[in-house]
PDB file of N, CA and C in Angstrom:
ATOM      1  N   UNK A   1      86.648  24.580 183.064  1.00  0.00           N
ATOM      2  CA  UNK A   1      87.166  24.960 184.355  1.00  0.00           C
ATOM      3  C   UNK A   1      88.346  25.909 184.204  1.00  0.00           C
ATOM      4  N   UNK A   2      89.143  25.720 183.186  1.00  0.00           N
ATOM      5  CA  UNK A   2      90.309  26.560 182.982  1.00  0.00           C
ATOM      6  C   UNK A   2      89.970  28.028 182.907  1.00  0.00           C
ATOM      7  N   UNK A   3      88.852  28.347 182.265  1.00  0.00           N
ATOM      8  CA  UNK A   3      88.458  29.743 182.149  1.00  0.00           C
ATOM      9  C   UNK A   3      88.144  30.339 183.520  1.00  0.00           C
ATOM     10  N   UNK A   4      87.441  29.610 184.358  1.00  0.00           N
ATOM     11  CA  UNK A   4      87.136  30.107 185.701  1.00  0.00           C
ATOM     12  C   UNK A   4      88.414  30.246 186.528  1.00  0.00           C
ATOM     13  N   UNK A   5      89.341  29.317 186.347  1.00  0.00           N
ATOM     14  CA  UNK A   5      90.612  29.410 187.049  1.00  0.00           C
ATOM     15  C   UNK A   5      91.357  30.671 186.608  1.00  0.00           C
ATOM     16  N   UNK A   6      91.407  30.927 185.310  1.00  0.00           N
ATOM     17  CA  UNK A   6      92.075  32.127 184.795  1.00  0.00           C
ATOM     18  C   UNK A   6      91.400  33.398 185.294  1.00  0.00           C
ATOM     19  N   UNK A   7      90.070  33.401 185.297  1.00  0.00           N
ATOM     20  CA  UNK A   7      89.339  34.571 185.788  1.00  0.00           C
ATOM     21  C   UNK A   7      89.583  34.776 187.283  1.00  0.00           C
ATOM     22  N   UNK A   8      89.659  33.677 188.025  1.00  0.00           N
ATOM     23  CA  UNK A   8      89.968  33.765 189.452  1.00  0.00           C
ATOM     24  C   UNK A   8      91.367  34.296 189.697  1.00  0.00           C
ATOM     25  N   UNK A   9      92.315  33.865 188.869  1.00  0.00           N
ATOM     26  CA  UNK A   9      93.686  34.355 188.998  1.00  0.00           C
ATOM     27  C   UNK A   9      93.741  35.856 188.724  1.00  0.00           C
ATOM     28  N   UNK A  10      92.982  36.295 187.739  1.00  0.00           N
ATOM     29  CA  UNK A  10      92.927  37.728 187.425  1.00  0.00           C
ATOM     30  C   UNK A  10      92.351  38.515 188.606  1.00  0.00           C
ATOM     31  N   UNK A  11      91.267  38.015 189.200  1.00  0.00           N
ATOM     32  CA  UNK A  11      90.695  38.676 190.377  1.00  0.00           C
ATOM     33  C   UNK A  11      91.729  38.767 191.499  1.00  0.00           C
ATOM     34  N   UNK A  12      92.447  37.677 191.714  1.00  0.00           N
ATOM     35  CA  UNK A  12      93.485  37.645 192.748  1.00  0.00           C
ATOM     36  C   UNK A  12      94.597  38.651 192.444  1.00  0.00           C
ATOM     37  N   UNK A  13      95.095  38.636 191.233  1.00  0.00           N
ATOM     38  CA  UNK A  13      96.202  39.519 190.852  1.00  0.00           C
ATOM     39  C   UNK A  13      95.814  40.993 190.921  1.00  0.00           C
ATOM     40  N   UNK A  14      94.552  41.292 190.700  1.00  0.00           N
ATOM     41  CA  UNK A  14      94.080  42.678 190.766  1.00  0.00           C
ATOM     42  C   UNK A  14      93.788  43.130 192.198  1.00  0.00           C
ATOM     43  N   UNK A  15      94.044  42.247 193.165  1.00  0.00           N
ATOM     44  CA  UNK A  15      93.859  42.607 194.572  1.00  0.00           C
ATOM     45  C   UNK A  15      92.419  42.601 195.038  1.00  0.00           C
ATOM     46  N   UNK A  16      91.602  41.763 194.416  1.00  0.00           N
ATOM     47  CA  UNK A  16      90.177  41.730 194.726  1.00  0.00           C
ATOM     48  C   UNK A  16      89.788  40.725 195.804  1.00  0.00           C
ATOM     49  N   UNK A  17      90.767  40.204 196.532  1.00  0.00           N
ATOM     50  CA  UNK A  17      90.482  39.224 197.589  1.00  0.00           C
ATOM     51  C   UNK A  17      90.882  39.822 198.933  1.00  0.00           C
ATOM     52  N   UNK A  18      89.925  39.968 199.824  1.00  0.00           N
ATOM     53  CA  UNK A  18      90.183  40.498 201.163  1.00  0.00           C
ATOM     54  C   UNK A  18      89.964  39.397 202.197  1.00  0.00           C
ATOM     55  N   UNK A  19      90.858  39.330 203.155  1.00  0.00           N
ATOM     56  CA  UNK A  19      90.757  38.341 204.228  1.00  0.00           C
ATOM     57  C   UNK A  19      89.833  38.878 205.316  1.00  0.00           C
ATOM     58  N   UNK A  20      88.799  38.123 205.625  1.00  0.00           N
ATOM     59  CA  UNK A  20      87.918  38.463 206.745  1.00  0.00           C
ATOM     60  C   UNK A  20      88.340  37.692 207.998  1.00  0.00           C
ATOM     61  N   UNK A  21      88.669  36.410 207.804  1.00  0.00           N
ATOM     62  CA  UNK A  21      89.106  35.539 208.898  1.00  0.00           C
ATOM     63  C   UNK A  21      89.979  34.456 208.296  1.00  0.00           C
ATOM     64  N   UNK A  22      91.095  34.150 208.965  1.00  0.00           N
ATOM     65  CA  UNK A  22      91.999  33.142 208.420  1.00  0.00           C
ATOM     66  C   UNK A  22      92.622  32.351 209.556  1.00  0.00           C
ATOM     67  N   UNK A  23      92.158  31.119 209.737  1.00  0.00           N
ATOM     68  CA  UNK A  23      92.827  30.185 210.637  1.00  0.00           C
ATOM     69  C   UNK A  23      92.685  28.779 210.066  1.00  0.00           C
ATOM     70  N   UNK A  24      93.215  27.806 210.759  1.00  0.00           N
ATOM     71  CA  UNK A  24      93.257  26.450 210.206  1.00  0.00           C
ATOM     72  C   UNK A  24      91.883  25.837 209.977  1.00  0.00           C
ATOM     73  N   UNK A  25      90.908  26.170 210.814  1.00  0.00           N
ATOM     74  CA  UNK A  25      89.593  25.540 210.736  1.00  0.00           C
ATOM     75  C   UNK A  25      88.547  26.352 209.989  1.00  0.00           C
ATOM     76  N   UNK A  26      88.774  27.649 209.882  1.00  0.00           N
ATOM     77  CA  UNK A  26      87.779  28.514 209.251  1.00  0.00           C
ATOM     78  C   UNK A  26      88.471  29.653 208.511  1.00  0.00           C
ATOM     79  N   UNK A  27      88.112  29.814 207.252  1.00  0.00           N
ATOM     80  CA  UNK A  27      88.630  30.916 206.445  1.00  0.00           C
ATOM     81  C   UNK A  27      87.449  31.614 205.789  1.00  0.00           C
ATOM     82  N   UNK A  28      87.459  32.928 205.827  1.00  0.00           N
ATOM     83  CA  UNK A  28      86.410  33.712 205.178  1.00  0.00           C
ATOM     84  C   UNK A  28      87.076  34.833 204.387  1.00  0.00           C
ATOM     85  N   UNK A  29      86.670  34.966 203.130  1.00  0.00           N
ATOM     86  CA  UNK A  29      87.201  35.992 202.244  1.00  0.00           C
ATOM     87  C   UNK A  29      86.051  36.762 201.614  1.00  0.00           C
ATOM     88  N   UNK A  30      86.288  38.025 201.323  1.00  0.00           N
ATOM     89  CA  UNK A  30      85.398  38.809 200.467  1.00  0.00           C
ATOM     90  C   UNK A  30      86.105  38.929 199.127  1.00  0.00           C
ATOM     91  N   UNK A  31      85.422  38.519 198.075  1.00  0.00           N
ATOM     92  CA  UNK A  31      86.004  38.582 196.734  1.00  0.00           C
ATOM     93  C   UNK A  31      85.168  39.542 195.905  1.00  0.00           C
ATOM     94  N   UNK A  32      85.813  40.583 195.425  1.00  0.00           N
ATOM     95  CA  UNK A  32      85.138  41.573 194.589  1.00  0.00           C
ATOM     96  C   UNK A  32      85.129  41.044 193.163  1.00  0.00           C
ATOM     97  N   UNK A  33      83.934  40.797 192.649  1.00  0.00           N
ATOM     98  CA  UNK A  33      83.781  40.208 191.326  1.00  0.00           C
ATOM     99  C   UNK A  33      83.974  41.208 190.205  1.00  0.00           C
ATOM    100  N   UNK A  34      83.875  40.702 189.003  1.00  0.00           N
ATOM    101  CA  UNK A  34      84.109  41.516 187.812  1.00  0.00           C
ATOM    102  C   UNK A  34      82.970  42.487 187.532  1.00  0.00           C
ATOM    103  N   UNK A  35      81.835  42.319 188.189  1.00  0.00           N
ATOM    104  CA  UNK A  35      80.680  43.206 187.971  1.00  0.00           C
ATOM    105  C   UNK A  35      80.419  44.105 189.176  1.00  0.00           C
ATOM    106  N   UNK A  36      81.448  44.408 189.929  1.00  0.00           N
ATOM    107  CA  UNK A  36      81.352  45.267 191.110  1.00  0.00           C
ATOM    108  C   UNK A  36      80.525  44.672 192.242  1.00  0.00           C
ATOM    109  N   UNK A  37      80.249  43.377 192.184  1.00  0.00           N
ATOM    110  CA  UNK A  37      79.584  42.693 193.287  1.00  0.00           C
ATOM    111  C   UNK A  37      80.653  42.086 194.191  1.00  0.00           C
ATOM    112  N   UNK A  38      80.322  41.915 195.451  1.00  0.00           N
ATOM    113  CA  UNK A  38      81.237  41.279 196.393  1.00  0.00           C
ATOM    114  C   UNK A  38      80.600  39.984 196.881  1.00  0.00           C
ATOM    115  N   UNK A  39      81.403  38.919 196.874  1.00  0.00           N
ATOM    116  CA  UNK A  39      80.915  37.599 197.260  1.00  0.00           C
ATOM    117  C   UNK A  39      81.699  37.094 198.456  1.00  0.00           C
ATOM    118  N   UNK A  40      81.024  36.338 199.295  1.00  0.00           N
ATOM    119  CA  UNK A  40      81.694  35.736 200.436  1.00  0.00           C
ATOM    120  C   UNK A  40      82.096  34.309 200.085  1.00  0.00           C
ATOM    121  N   UNK A  41      83.369  34.040 200.264  1.00  0.00           N
ATOM    122  CA  UNK A  41      83.922  32.704 200.075  1.00  0.00           C
ATOM    123  C   UNK A  41      84.365  32.223 201.446  1.00  0.00           C
ATOM    124  N   UNK A  42      84.001  30.989 201.777  1.00  0.00           N
ATOM    125  CA  UNK A  42      84.385  30.469 203.086  1.00  0.00           C
ATOM    126  C   UNK A  42      84.826  29.020 202.986  1.00  0.00           C
ATOM    127  N   UNK A  43      85.675  28.645 203.941  1.00  0.00           N
ATOM    128  CA  UNK A  43      86.085  27.258 204.090  1.00  0.00           C
ATOM    129  C   UNK A  43      85.876  26.908 205.552  1.00  0.00           C
ATOM    130  N   UNK A  44      85.076  25.881 205.784  1.00  0.00           N
ATOM    131  CA  UNK A  44      84.800  25.407 207.126  1.00  0.00           C
ATOM    132  C   UNK A  44      84.866  23.895 207.094  1.00  0.00           C
ATOM    133  N   UNK A  45      85.748  23.324 207.914  1.00  0.00           N
ATOM    134  CA  UNK A  45      85.920  21.868 207.951  1.00  0.00           C
ATOM    135  C   UNK A  45      86.202  21.309 206.563  1.00  0.00           C
ATOM    136  N   UNK A  46      87.098  21.963 205.840  1.00  0.00           N
ATOM    137  CA  UNK A  46      87.547  21.554 204.499  1.00  0.00           C
ATOM    138  C   UNK A  46      86.460  21.590 203.435  1.00  0.00           C
ATOM    139  N   UNK A  47      85.362  22.272 203.687  1.00  0.00           N
ATOM    140  CA  UNK A  47      84.301  22.454 202.691  1.00  0.00           C
ATOM    141  C   UNK A  47      84.317  23.911 202.253  1.00  0.00           C
ATOM    142  N   UNK A  48      84.569  24.129 200.962  1.00  0.00           N
ATOM    143  CA  UNK A  48      84.608  25.480 200.408  1.00  0.00           C
ATOM    144  C   UNK A  48      83.240  25.853 199.856  1.00  0.00           C
ATOM    145  N   UNK A  49      82.819  27.089 200.113  1.00  0.00           N
ATOM    146  CA  UNK A  49      81.524  27.589 199.651  1.00  0.00           C
ATOM    147  C   UNK A  49      81.670  29.017 199.134  1.00  0.00           C
ATOM    148  N   UNK A  50      80.807  29.383 198.188  1.00  0.00           N
ATOM    149  CA  UNK A  50      80.725  30.756 197.695  1.00  0.00           C
ATOM    150  C   UNK A  50      79.248  31.113 197.578  1.00  0.00           C
ATOM    151  N   UNK A  51      78.924  32.368 197.814  1.00  0.00           N
ATOM    152  CA  UNK A  51      77.517  32.757 197.731  1.00  0.00           C
ATOM    153  C   UNK A  51      77.131  33.362 196.375  1.00  0.00           C
ATOM    154  N   UNK A  52      77.988  33.207 195.354  1.00  0.00           N
ATOM    155  CA  UNK A  52      77.631  33.708 194.019  1.00  0.00           C
ATOM    156  C   UNK A  52      76.592  32.792 193.359  1.00  0.00           C
ATOM    157  N   UNK A  53      75.861  33.344 192.408  1.00  0.00           N
ATOM    158  CA  UNK A  53      74.821  32.580 191.708  1.00  0.00           C
ATOM    159  C   UNK A  53      75.391  31.387 190.953  1.00  0.00           C
ATOM    160  N   UNK A  54      76.557  31.559 190.325  1.00  0.00           N
ATOM    161  CA  UNK A  54      77.182  30.484 189.549  1.00  0.00           C
ATOM    162  C   UNK A  54      77.442  29.271 190.443  1.00  0.00           C
ATOM    163  N   UNK A  55      78.061  29.500 191.596  1.00  0.00           N
ATOM    164  CA  UNK A  55      78.341  28.403 192.520  1.00  0.00           C
ATOM    165  C   UNK A  55      77.051  27.798 193.062  1.00  0.00           C
ATOM    166  N   UNK A  56      76.125  28.644 193.486  1.00  0.00           N
ATOM    167  CA  UNK A  56      74.878  28.153 194.074  1.00  0.00           C
ATOM    168  C   UNK A  56      74.111  27.260 193.102  1.00  0.00           C
ATOM    169  N   UNK A  57      74.048  27.656 191.854  1.00  0.00           N
ATOM    170  CA  UNK A  57      73.313  26.887 190.854  1.00  0.00           C
ATOM    171  C   UNK A  57      74.029  25.583 190.509  1.00  0.00           C
ATOM    172  N   UNK A  58      75.318  25.671 190.250  1.00  0.00           N
ATOM    173  CA  UNK A  58      76.055  24.499 189.757  1.00  0.00           C
ATOM    174  C   UNK A  58      76.390  23.477 190.836  1.00  0.00           C
ATOM    175  N   UNK A  59      76.430  23.867 192.079  1.00  0.00           N
ATOM    176  CA  UNK A  59      76.757  22.902 193.138  1.00  0.00           C
ATOM    177  C   UNK A  59      75.531  22.502 193.951  1.00  0.00           C
ATOM    178  N   UNK A  60      74.359  22.861 193.438  1.00  0.00           N
ATOM    179  CA  UNK A  60      73.118  22.604 194.173  1.00  0.00           C
ATOM    180  C   UNK A  60      72.917  21.125 194.503  1.00  0.00           C
ATOM    181  N   UNK A  61      73.163  20.250 193.538  1.00  0.00           N
ATOM    182  CA  UNK A  61      72.924  18.818 193.755  1.00  0.00           C
ATOM    183  C   UNK A  61      73.987  18.178 194.631  1.00  0.00           C
ATOM    184  N   UNK A  62      75.230  18.654 194.504  1.00  0.00           N
ATOM    185  CA  UNK A  62      76.330  18.075 195.270  1.00  0.00           C
ATOM    186  C   UNK A  62      77.240  19.196 195.760  1.00  0.00           C
ATOM    187  N   UNK A  63      76.945  19.760 196.931  1.00  0.00           N
ATOM    188  CA  UNK A  63      77.748  20.874 197.442  1.00  0.00           C
ATOM    189  C   UNK A  63      79.238  20.544 197.466  1.00  0.00           C
ATOM    190  N   UNK A  64      80.028  21.516 197.043  1.00  0.00           N
ATOM    191  CA  UNK A  64      81.472  21.330 197.017  1.00  0.00           C
ATOM    192  C   UNK A  64      81.998  20.704 195.748  1.00  0.00           C
ATOM    193  N   UNK A  65      81.117  20.409 194.793  1.00  0.00           N
ATOM    194  CA  UNK A  65      81.548  19.723 193.575  1.00  0.00           C
ATOM    195  C   UNK A  65      81.940  20.676 192.453  1.00  0.00           C
ATOM    196  N   UNK A  66      81.776  21.972 192.656  1.00  0.00           N
ATOM    197  CA  UNK A  66      82.013  22.958 191.605  1.00  0.00           C
ATOM    198  C   UNK A  66      82.916  24.059 192.145  1.00  0.00           C
ATOM    199  N   UNK A  67      83.800  24.579 191.301  1.00  0.00           N
ATOM    200  CA  UNK A  67      84.701  25.657 191.703  1.00  0.00           C
ATOM    201  C   UNK A  67      84.462  26.866 190.803  1.00  0.00           C
ATOM    202  N   UNK A  68      83.935  27.941 191.382  1.00  0.00           N
ATOM    203  CA  UNK A  68      83.702  29.182 190.636  1.00  0.00           C
ATOM    204  C   UNK A  68      84.973  30.037 190.649  1.00  0.00           C
ATOM    205  N   UNK A  69      84.956  31.130 189.905  1.00  0.00           N
ATOM    206  CA  UNK A  69      86.137  31.996 189.832  1.00  0.00           C
ATOM    207  C   UNK A  69      86.458  32.649 191.177  1.00  0.00           C
ATOM    208  N   UNK A  70      85.451  32.857 192.006  1.00  0.00           N
ATOM    209  CA  UNK A  70      85.688  33.469 193.318  1.00  0.00           C
ATOM    210  C   UNK A  70      86.415  32.495 194.248  1.00  0.00           C
ATOM    211  N   UNK A  71      86.056  31.217 194.151  1.00  0.00           N
ATOM    212  CA  UNK A  71      86.785  30.200 194.916  1.00  0.00           C
ATOM    213  C   UNK A  71      88.229  30.121 194.446  1.00  0.00           C
ATOM    214  N   UNK A  72      88.426  30.133 193.120  1.00  0.00           N
ATOM    215  CA  UNK A  72      89.793  30.116 192.589  1.00  0.00           C
ATOM    216  C   UNK A  72      90.590  31.297 193.125  1.00  0.00           C
ATOM    217  N   UNK A  73      89.990  32.479 193.133  1.00  0.00           N
ATOM    218  CA  UNK A  73      90.685  33.673 193.634  1.00  0.00           C
ATOM    219  C   UNK A  73      91.104  33.470 195.092  1.00  0.00           C
ATOM    220  N   UNK A  74      90.214  32.902 195.898  1.00  0.00           N
ATOM    221  CA  UNK A  74      90.536  32.631 197.302  1.00  0.00           C
ATOM    222  C   UNK A  74      91.632  31.577 197.419  1.00  0.00           C
ATOM    223  N   UNK A  75      91.604  30.545 196.565  1.00  0.00           N
ATOM    224  CA  UNK A  75      92.656  29.517 196.584  1.00  0.00           C
ATOM    225  C   UNK A  75      94.026  30.146 196.352  1.00  0.00           C
ATOM    226  N   UNK A  76      94.101  31.064 195.373  1.00  0.00           N
ATOM    227  CA  UNK A  76      95.373  31.733 195.094  1.00  0.00           C
ATOM    228  C   UNK A  76      95.821  32.571 196.295  1.00  0.00           C
ATOM    229  N   UNK A  77      94.882  33.208 196.975  1.00  0.00           N
ATOM    230  CA  UNK A  77      95.216  33.994 198.170  1.00  0.00           C
ATOM    231  C   UNK A  77      95.728  33.092 199.281  1.00  0.00           C
ATOM    232  N   UNK A  78      95.098  31.935 199.467  1.00  0.00           N
ATOM    233  CA  UNK A  78      95.558  30.982 200.478  1.00  0.00           C
ATOM    234  C   UNK A  78      96.975  30.525 200.157  1.00  0.00           C
ATOM    235  N   UNK A  79      97.246  30.227 198.887  1.00  0.00           N
ATOM    236  CA  UNK A  79      98.593  29.806 198.488  1.00  0.00           C
ATOM    237  C   UNK A  79      99.613  30.895 198.817  1.00  0.00           C
ATOM    238  N   UNK A  80      99.254  32.142 198.554  1.00  0.00           N
ATOM    239  CA  UNK A  80     100.148  33.266 198.884  1.00  0.00           C
ATOM    240  C   UNK A  80     100.422  33.310 200.381  1.00  0.00           C
ATOM    241  N   UNK A  81      99.380  33.198 201.181  1.00  0.00           N
ATOM    242  CA  UNK A  81      99.529  33.274 202.631  1.00  0.00           C
ATOM    243  C   UNK A  81     100.337  32.102 203.180  1.00  0.00           C
ATOM    244  N   UNK A  82     100.123  30.923 202.637  1.00  0.00           N
ATOM    245  CA  UNK A  82     100.868  29.740 203.084  1.00  0.00           C
ATOM    246  C   UNK A  82     102.346  29.863 202.723  1.00  0.00           C
ATOM    247  N   UNK A  83     102.649  30.485 201.575  1.00  0.00           N
ATOM    248  CA  UNK A  83     104.042  30.674 201.159  1.00  0.00           C
ATOM    249  C   UNK A  83     104.766  31.698 202.019  1.00  0.00           C
ATOM    250  N   UNK A  84     104.024  32.592 202.665  1.00  0.00           N
ATOM    251  CA  UNK A  84     104.630  33.589 203.547  1.00  0.00           C
ATOM    252  C   UNK A  84     105.102  32.970 204.853  1.00  0.00           C
ATOM    253  N   UNK A  85     104.543  31.823 205.215  1.00  0.00           N
ATOM    254  CA  UNK A  85     104.906  31.166 206.489  1.00  0.00           C
ATOM    255  C   UNK A  85     106.269  30.611 206.459  1.00  0.00           C
TER     256      UNK A  85
END
């Protein structure tokens, strides 16, 4: 998990996380991945989801049980936004 967290932090630090929607009940981000692909990360009712293949495959049996690098990148962006308040 540490590697995905580090990769997510790198994506965040490089400015690869864009806010599409941000409120208490629903958050949507576009995260530009390391291979020039863009993934949608969302949080709805405290359930985080990503549409990347890594997340889709690994969380198939139990949704929400896996954190990909794109989710990590969004988590870091949320922390930044919360600290601005």
